[in-house]
Protein backbone atom coordinates (compact mmCIF):
# COMPACT_ATOMS: atom_id res chain seq x y z
CA MET A 1 0.00 0.00 0.00
CA ALA A 2 1.03 3.59 -0.59
CA LYS A 3 2.59 5.34 2.37
CA ILE A 4 0.43 8.13 3.78
CA SER A 5 1.55 11.26 5.63
CA ILE A 6 -1.00 12.97 7.87
CA VAL A 7 -0.44 16.68 8.48
CA LEU A 8 -1.75 18.04 11.77
CA ALA A 9 -1.34 21.79 12.28
CA VAL A 10 -2.15 22.83 15.84
CA TYR A 11 -2.27 26.03 17.88
CA ASN A 12 -3.17 25.92 21.58
CA GLY A 13 -4.88 22.58 21.15
CA GLU A 14 -3.87 20.81 24.35
CA LYS A 15 -7.51 20.04 25.21
CA ASP A 16 -8.29 18.07 22.04
CA VAL A 17 -5.07 17.05 20.32
CA ASP A 18 -4.49 13.96 22.48
CA LYS A 19 -7.74 12.37 21.24
CA CYS A 20 -6.88 13.31 17.67
CA LEU A 21 -3.41 11.76 17.84
CA ASN A 22 -4.72 8.61 19.47
CA SER A 23 -7.08 8.17 16.52
CA LEU A 24 -4.16 8.56 14.08
CA ARG A 25 -1.82 6.24 15.94
CA GLY A 26 -4.61 3.65 16.21
CA GLN A 27 -5.12 3.37 12.46
CA THR A 28 -5.44 -0.19 11.13
CA MET A 29 -2.95 0.80 8.43
CA LYS A 30 0.45 1.10 10.08
CA ASP A 31 2.58 2.51 7.23
CA ILE A 32 1.82 6.14 7.99
CA GLU A 33 3.70 9.14 9.35
CA ILE A 34 2.10 11.82 11.48
CA ILE A 35 3.51 15.30 10.85
CA CYS A 36 2.61 17.66 13.70
CA VAL A 37 3.30 21.37 13.24
CA ASP A 38 2.95 23.46 16.37
CA ASP A 39 2.13 27.02 15.35
CA GLY A 40 3.59 28.86 18.34
CA SER A 41 1.26 27.45 21.01
CA THR A 42 1.33 29.17 24.41
CA ASP A 43 -0.32 26.31 26.33
CA ASN A 44 0.87 22.72 26.88
CA THR A 45 0.32 21.58 23.29
CA VAL A 46 4.01 20.91 22.60
CA ARG A 47 4.32 18.81 25.74
CA VAL A 48 1.36 16.65 24.59
CA LEU A 49 2.85 16.30 21.10
CA LYS A 50 6.25 15.26 22.43
CA LYS A 51 4.64 12.66 24.67
CA HIS A 52 3.31 10.99 21.51
CA VAL A 53 6.73 11.30 19.83
CA ALA A 54 8.27 9.37 22.74
CA GLU A 55 5.65 6.65 22.41
CA ASP A 56 5.49 6.31 18.62
CA PRO A 57 8.36 6.91 16.15
CA ARG A 58 5.85 7.62 13.37
CA VAL A 59 4.97 10.92 15.09
CA LYS A 60 7.17 13.89 14.18
CA VAL A 61 6.91 17.40 15.61
CA PHE A 62 8.01 20.63 13.94
CA GLU A 63 7.77 23.93 15.81
CA GLN A 64 7.10 27.21 14.02
CA GLY A 65 8.44 29.19 16.98
CA GLU A 66 5.73 31.85 16.67
CA ASN A 67 2.13 31.91 15.59
CA ARG A 68 2.33 32.19 11.80
CA LYS A 69 -1.30 31.14 11.16
CA LEU A 70 -2.83 28.07 9.58
CA LEU A 71 -1.74 28.36 5.95
CA LEU A 72 1.96 28.55 6.79
CA ALA A 73 1.70 25.80 9.42
CA ILE A 74 0.16 23.38 6.92
CA LYS A 75 2.62 24.52 4.27
CA ARG A 76 5.44 23.52 6.63
CA GLY A 77 3.80 20.14 7.20
CA VAL A 78 3.42 19.49 3.48
CA LYS A 79 7.08 20.37 2.96
CA GLU A 80 8.21 17.92 5.67
CA ALA A 81 5.94 15.06 4.56
CA THR A 82 7.67 12.04 2.96
CA GLY A 83 4.63 9.90 2.10
CA ASP A 84 3.22 9.14 -1.35
CA TYR A 85 -0.04 10.86 -0.35
CA ILE A 86 -0.89 13.51 2.21
CA MET A 87 -3.99 13.68 4.39
CA PHE A 88 -4.98 16.52 6.72
CA VAL A 89 -6.66 16.72 10.13
CA ASP A 90 -7.58 19.47 12.60
CA ASP A 91 -6.57 19.03 16.23
CA ASP A 92 -10.19 18.85 17.46
CA ASP A 93 -11.24 16.24 14.88
CA TRP A 94 -10.43 12.54 14.67
CA TYR A 95 -10.27 9.67 12.16
CA GLU A 96 -12.25 6.45 12.07
CA PRO A 97 -9.88 3.51 12.79
CA ASN A 98 -9.88 2.30 9.16
CA ALA A 99 -9.68 5.73 7.49
CA CYS A 100 -6.15 5.41 6.11
CA GLU A 101 -6.69 1.79 5.08
CA ASN A 102 -9.80 2.71 3.09
CA VAL A 103 -7.99 5.60 1.42
CA ALA A 104 -4.98 3.41 0.61
CA GLU A 105 -7.22 0.83 -1.08
CA ILE A 106 -8.62 3.52 -3.37
CA ILE A 107 -5.11 4.81 -4.06
CA ASP A 108 -3.78 1.37 -4.97
CA ALA A 109 -6.76 0.68 -7.23
CA ASP A 110 -6.96 3.99 -9.11
CA HIS A 111 -3.86 6.11 -8.30
CA PRO A 112 -5.87 9.37 -8.36
CA ASP A 113 -4.43 12.78 -7.64
CA VAL A 114 -7.13 13.43 -5.02
CA VAL A 115 -9.29 11.13 -2.89
CA TYR A 116 -12.44 12.53 -1.27
CA PHE A 117 -14.24 10.81 1.60
CA GLY A 118 -17.31 11.38 3.75
CA THR A 119 -17.52 13.01 7.17
CA ASN A 120 -19.41 12.44 10.39
CA LEU A 121 -20.67 15.80 11.64
CA VAL A 122 -20.21 16.36 15.36
CA GLU A 123 -22.55 19.19 16.30
CA PRO A 124 -23.17 21.24 19.46
CA GLU A 125 -25.44 19.69 22.07
CA GLU A 126 -28.08 22.40 21.72
CA LYS A 127 -30.86 21.88 19.20
CA VAL A 128 -30.09 22.93 15.64
CA LYS A 129 -32.83 24.01 13.22
CA LYS A 130 -33.61 21.44 10.55
CA ASP A 131 -32.69 23.67 7.58
CA ILE A 132 -29.39 24.67 9.21
CA ARG A 133 -28.51 21.06 9.93
CA GLU A 134 -29.36 19.99 6.36
CA ASN A 135 -27.15 22.74 4.98
CA ARG A 136 -24.28 21.65 7.23
CA LEU A 137 -24.68 18.04 6.12
CA ARG A 138 -24.60 19.06 2.46
CA ARG A 139 -21.29 20.81 3.07
CA VAL A 140 -19.61 17.62 4.29
CA GLU A 141 -21.33 14.96 2.18
CA SER A 142 -19.38 12.87 -0.31
CA THR A 143 -20.59 10.68 -3.18
CA ASP A 144 -19.14 7.71 -5.04
CA MET A 145 -17.66 9.08 -8.26
CA LYS A 146 -14.57 9.22 -10.45
CA PHE A 147 -13.35 12.06 -12.67
CA SER A 148 -10.41 12.74 -14.93
CA GLY A 149 -9.70 15.75 -17.11
CA GLU A 150 -7.42 18.69 -17.89
CA ASN A 151 -7.81 19.82 -14.28
CA THR A 152 -10.45 19.20 -11.65
CA LEU A 153 -11.60 22.75 -10.99
CA TRP A 154 -15.33 23.57 -10.98
CA LEU A 155 -16.63 20.00 -10.48
CA ASP A 156 -20.28 20.05 -9.38
CA ASP A 157 -19.88 17.13 -6.95
CA ILE A 158 -16.75 18.48 -5.26
CA ARG A 159 -16.70 20.70 -2.16
CA TYR A 160 -13.66 22.98 -2.22
CA VAL A 161 -14.16 24.18 1.33
CA TYR A 162 -12.08 21.74 3.36
CA LEU A 163 -8.71 20.00 3.38
CA TRP A 164 -9.54 17.44 6.05
CA ASN A 165 -11.89 15.34 3.89
CA LYS A 166 -9.32 14.38 1.28
CA ALA A 167 -6.00 12.73 0.53
CA VAL A 168 -3.77 14.38 -2.07
CA LYS A 169 -0.90 12.92 -4.06
CA ALA A 170 2.23 14.35 -2.46
CA ASP A 171 3.69 15.95 -5.58
CA VAL A 172 0.34 17.67 -6.30
CA ALA A 173 0.06 18.98 -2.72
CA LYS A 174 3.66 20.21 -2.69
CA LYS A 175 3.25 21.91 -6.07
CA ALA A 176 0.05 23.60 -4.88
CA TYR A 177 1.58 24.95 -1.67
CA ASP A 178 4.77 26.02 -3.45
CA ALA A 179 2.59 28.15 -5.74
CA MET A 180 0.95 29.90 -2.77
CA PRO A 181 2.65 32.96 -1.26
CA ASP A 182 4.02 32.91 2.29
CA VAL A 183 1.16 34.85 3.85
CA GLU A 184 -0.30 34.66 7.35
CA MET A 185 -3.93 33.60 7.08
CA THR A 186 -6.31 31.26 8.87
CA TYR A 187 -9.75 31.92 7.41
CA TYR A 188 -10.08 30.74 3.80
CA SER A 189 -6.68 29.00 3.87
CA ASP A 190 -8.35 25.63 3.16
CA ILE A 191 -10.35 27.02 0.24
CA TYR A 192 -7.24 28.69 -1.15
CA ALA A 193 -5.25 25.45 -0.91
CA CYS A 194 -8.06 23.36 -2.42
CA MET A 195 -8.30 25.67 -5.43
CA MET A 196 -4.58 25.29 -6.03
CA ILE A 197 -4.67 21.52 -5.51
CA HIS A 198 -7.50 21.11 -8.01
CA TYR A 199 -5.70 23.26 -10.53
CA TYR A 200 -2.88 20.71 -10.62
CA ALA A 201 -4.97 17.60 -10.00
CA LYS A 202 -6.25 15.76 -13.07
CA THR A 203 -8.00 12.78 -11.46
CA VAL A 204 -10.37 12.52 -8.51
CA VAL A 205 -11.95 9.53 -6.82
CA SER A 206 -14.63 10.15 -4.22
CA THR A 207 -16.15 7.68 -1.76
CA SER A 208 -19.28 8.09 0.34
CA LYS A 209 -17.66 6.23 3.25
CA LYS A 210 -17.45 8.44 6.33
CA LEU A 211 -13.83 8.27 7.46
CA THR A 212 -13.36 11.37 9.61
CA ASN A 213 -15.25 13.17 12.37
CA TYR A 214 -15.60 16.93 12.11
CA ASN A 215 -16.21 19.01 15.24
CA TYR A 216 -18.58 21.74 14.08
CA THR A 217 -18.44 23.73 17.32
CA ASN A 218 -15.15 25.49 16.53
CA GLY A 219 -13.93 27.87 13.83
CA ILE A 220 -16.06 30.43 12.01
CA SER A 221 -18.67 27.77 11.28
CA GLY A 222 -19.47 27.37 14.95
CA GLN A 223 -18.96 30.91 16.22
CA GLY A 224 -21.99 32.57 17.74
CA SER A 225 -20.71 36.10 17.17
CA MET A 226 -17.70 38.02 15.91
CA THR A 227 -16.04 41.22 17.07
CA ALA A 228 -15.21 43.95 14.60
CA GLU A 229 -11.53 43.05 14.98
CA ARG A 230 -12.09 39.39 14.10
CA TYR A 231 -14.35 40.32 11.19
CA ASP A 232 -11.63 42.63 9.87
CA TYR A 233 -9.14 39.73 10.02
CA PHE A 234 -11.64 37.44 8.31
CA LEU A 235 -12.00 39.94 5.45
CA ARG A 236 -8.24 40.38 5.22
CA CYS A 237 -7.98 36.61 4.66
CA THR A 238 -10.73 36.57 2.03
CA ARG A 239 -8.97 39.41 0.23
CA ILE A 240 -5.69 37.47 0.24
CA TYR A 241 -7.56 34.52 -1.25
CA GLU A 242 -9.33 36.60 -3.92
CA ASP A 243 -6.15 38.39 -4.99
CA GLY A 244 -4.01 35.26 -4.75
CA ILE A 245 -6.16 33.18 -7.09
CA ARG A 246 -6.53 36.02 -9.60
CA ASN A 247 -2.79 36.70 -9.59
CA PHE A 248 -2.06 33.01 -10.06
CA PHE A 249 -4.34 32.67 -13.10
CA GLU A 250 -2.90 35.87 -14.58
CA LYS A 251 0.66 34.60 -14.05
CA GLU A 252 -0.28 31.32 -15.75
CA SER A 253 -1.97 33.27 -18.58
CA ASP A 254 -5.02 31.09 -17.90
CA ASN A 255 -7.72 33.44 -19.09
CA LYS A 256 -10.40 30.74 -19.16
CA ASN A 257 -10.19 29.94 -15.44
CA LEU A 258 -9.60 33.61 -14.60
CA ASP A 259 -12.86 34.54 -16.32
CA ILE A 260 -14.76 31.82 -14.44
CA PHE A 261 -13.29 32.96 -11.13
CA VAL A 262 -14.04 36.64 -11.79
CA GLU A 263 -17.60 35.75 -12.82
CA GLY A 264 -18.20 34.18 -9.41
CA TYR A 265 -16.92 37.19 -7.48
CA ARG A 266 -20.29 38.55 -6.39
CA ASP A 267 -21.54 35.11 -5.34
CA ARG A 268 -18.45 34.67 -3.16
CA MET A 269 -19.09 38.06 -1.55
CA MET A 270 -22.56 37.05 -0.35
CA PRO A 271 -21.26 35.03 2.65
CA TYR A 272 -19.05 37.98 3.66
CA ILE A 273 -22.19 40.15 3.77
CA ARG A 274 -24.21 37.49 5.62
CA ILE A 275 -21.50 37.13 8.25
CA TRP A 276 -21.65 40.90 8.83
CA ARG A 277 -25.42 40.63 9.13
CA ASP A 278 -25.67 37.53 11.30
CA LYS A 279 -22.44 37.08 13.26
CA VAL A 280 -20.94 40.49 13.97
CA GLN A 281 -21.90 41.86 17.38
CA GLU A 282 -24.45 44.62 17.04
CA CYS A 283 -22.29 47.07 18.97
CA ASP A 284 -19.53 46.51 16.38
CA ALA A 285 -21.73 46.71 13.27
CA VAL A 286 -20.56 50.15 12.12
CA GLU A 287 -16.86 49.46 12.65
CA ALA A 288 -17.22 46.11 10.89
CA PHE A 289 -19.03 47.76 7.97
CA GLU A 290 -16.08 50.12 7.58
CA SER A 291 -13.85 47.04 7.26
CA LEU A 292 -16.16 45.62 4.63
CA VAL A 293 -15.87 48.68 2.40
CA LYS A 294 -12.13 48.89 3.13
CA TYR A 295 -11.48 45.49 1.58
CA TYR A 296 -14.26 45.48 -1.03
CA ASP A 297 -15.43 48.23 -3.35
CA ILE A 298 -18.51 49.97 -2.03
CA GLU A 299 -20.16 49.80 -5.45
CA ASP A 300 -19.99 46.01 -5.20
CA VAL A 301 -20.99 45.88 -1.54
CA MET A 302 -24.12 48.04 -1.63
CA PRO A 303 -26.30 46.03 -4.06
CA LEU A 304 -25.50 42.86 -2.11
CA LEU A 305 -26.23 44.63 1.15
CA LYS A 306 -29.63 45.65 -0.18
CA HIS A 307 -30.33 42.11 -1.38
CA ASN A 308 -29.43 40.69 2.02
CA TYR A 309 -31.58 43.27 3.79
CA TYR A 310 -34.73 42.13 2.05
CA ARG A 311 -33.83 38.46 2.64
CA ALA A 312 -33.15 38.93 6.34
CA ASN A 313 -36.69 37.86 7.36
CA ALA A 314 -36.54 37.25 11.11
CA SER A 315 -33.46 39.44 11.41
CA CYS A 316 -35.11 42.42 9.66
CA LYS A 317 -35.63 44.54 12.77
CA LYS A 318 -32.09 44.00 13.94
CA TYR A 319 -30.80 44.62 10.43
CA LYS A 320 -32.85 47.80 10.09
CA ARG A 321 -31.39 49.11 13.34
CA ARG A 322 -27.93 48.50 11.94
CA ALA A 323 -28.80 50.34 8.75
CA GLU A 324 -30.19 53.29 10.72
CA LYS A 325 -27.09 53.40 12.89
CA LEU A 326 -24.89 53.30 9.81
CA GLU A 327 -26.84 56.14 8.25
CA ARG A 328 -26.27 58.29 11.31
CA GLN A 329 -22.57 57.55 11.63
CA LEU A 330 -21.16 57.08 8.14
CA GLU A 331 -19.96 60.32 6.65
CA ALA A 332 -19.57 59.44 2.96
CA THR A 333 -22.50 60.82 0.98
CA ASN A 334 -22.86 57.85 -1.32
CA LYS A 335 -23.09 55.51 1.70
CA LYS A 336 -25.69 57.67 3.45
CA SER A 337 -27.89 58.09 0.41
CA PHE A 338 -27.93 54.36 -0.23
CA LEU A 339 -28.74 53.49 3.36
CA SER A 340 -31.55 56.06 3.40
CA ARG A 341 -33.17 54.25 0.49
CA LEU A 342 -32.38 50.91 2.08
CA ILE A 343 -34.37 51.61 5.26
CA GLY A 344 -37.20 53.30 3.37
CA ARG A 345 -36.64 56.94 4.26
C-alpha cells in the first residue's frame, strides 16, 4: 500500500489534540507518518505532542516558533511530509480507525491525484434548526464518483471548502503549496489550498464512506458572534484569497479559469455580507461595515447589502437598526444616500 503522511497543524490545542493523535496512531494501516506542526502554542500543546513522539516513532513534531497562522503551518507540514499521499486533520477532529486503510485501497486501485471521503458531523449539544442542519450536512457529504480531465476545478460534486476530507498525491500537494505565497492567514486557507490543488490535479476519486469526524463547534462555522476586529481579520484573509487566485491565473496566462473565477466574485461576496449581518456583534456593526468597504469596493458591496436586507426575514428589525445606525454615523455621501433608500426613508 502507498505510504500516507498525515499533516496536523495545531495552535493551543492541548484540550483536544491527544484524542486526535490517538485516533491517528490507532489506524489499522500502520505505514503512515504523522507530521505535527505546532504554530507557536502558548499552552501545553508541545508537551502533549512530544509525549506521543516518545511513544510512537511515526509521530514527528516541527515547531514554528511563533504563531504564523494556519496556511503557513500546513505549508510547513506538506514540505516535511515524505509519504506518497498527504492527508490533513484538525486538532479537534479525529479519524475512524480504518480511514487510512480505506484511502490506501482507493489509491492502490486507481492512483488518483485526489481522494475525497465522507464526514461524520459532530454538532453542538443544543438543538439545531432542521434547515441549518441539512445545509451543514450538504457541506460535508461525499458521493461515489470518479473524474479525470485537464484539471479538476469547478466540479459540481466536489466541495472545495475543506482539506480534512481528502488525501492528495504528495507531488500535487507540494506543487500547490509552493505556488501559494508565504502569507499569514487562517480563514479561507483551506479554500485557497483546495483551489490550487484542483488546478494541478487531473483525477479525482470520491467515496461516500465516512472516514473522519468533524467538530462543528469550533472555527467560524461554529462561532456565535464576531467582534469587529475578528471580522476585519476574516475579510483580510478573504482578500488574500481573492487576490491570490486572480494573480495566479494571470501569471499562468489562464484566461479561461480567470474569467470563471471573476464571474463568481459577487456570489463569493454574499457570505461575507451574511456574516456581517448575522455574526458580527451589534455594537460593532458600524466598525465592521467600515472594514467591509475597506477590503471590497462599495459599489460592489451596496447592491449585495440591499439584497441581504430584504432576505433577512426574522433578522429584519435587527438589520434595520444596523442600517439606521450606519446612516447616522457614516460620513460618505454615497453611503448615506444608499442606506436612506435601504431603510425606506
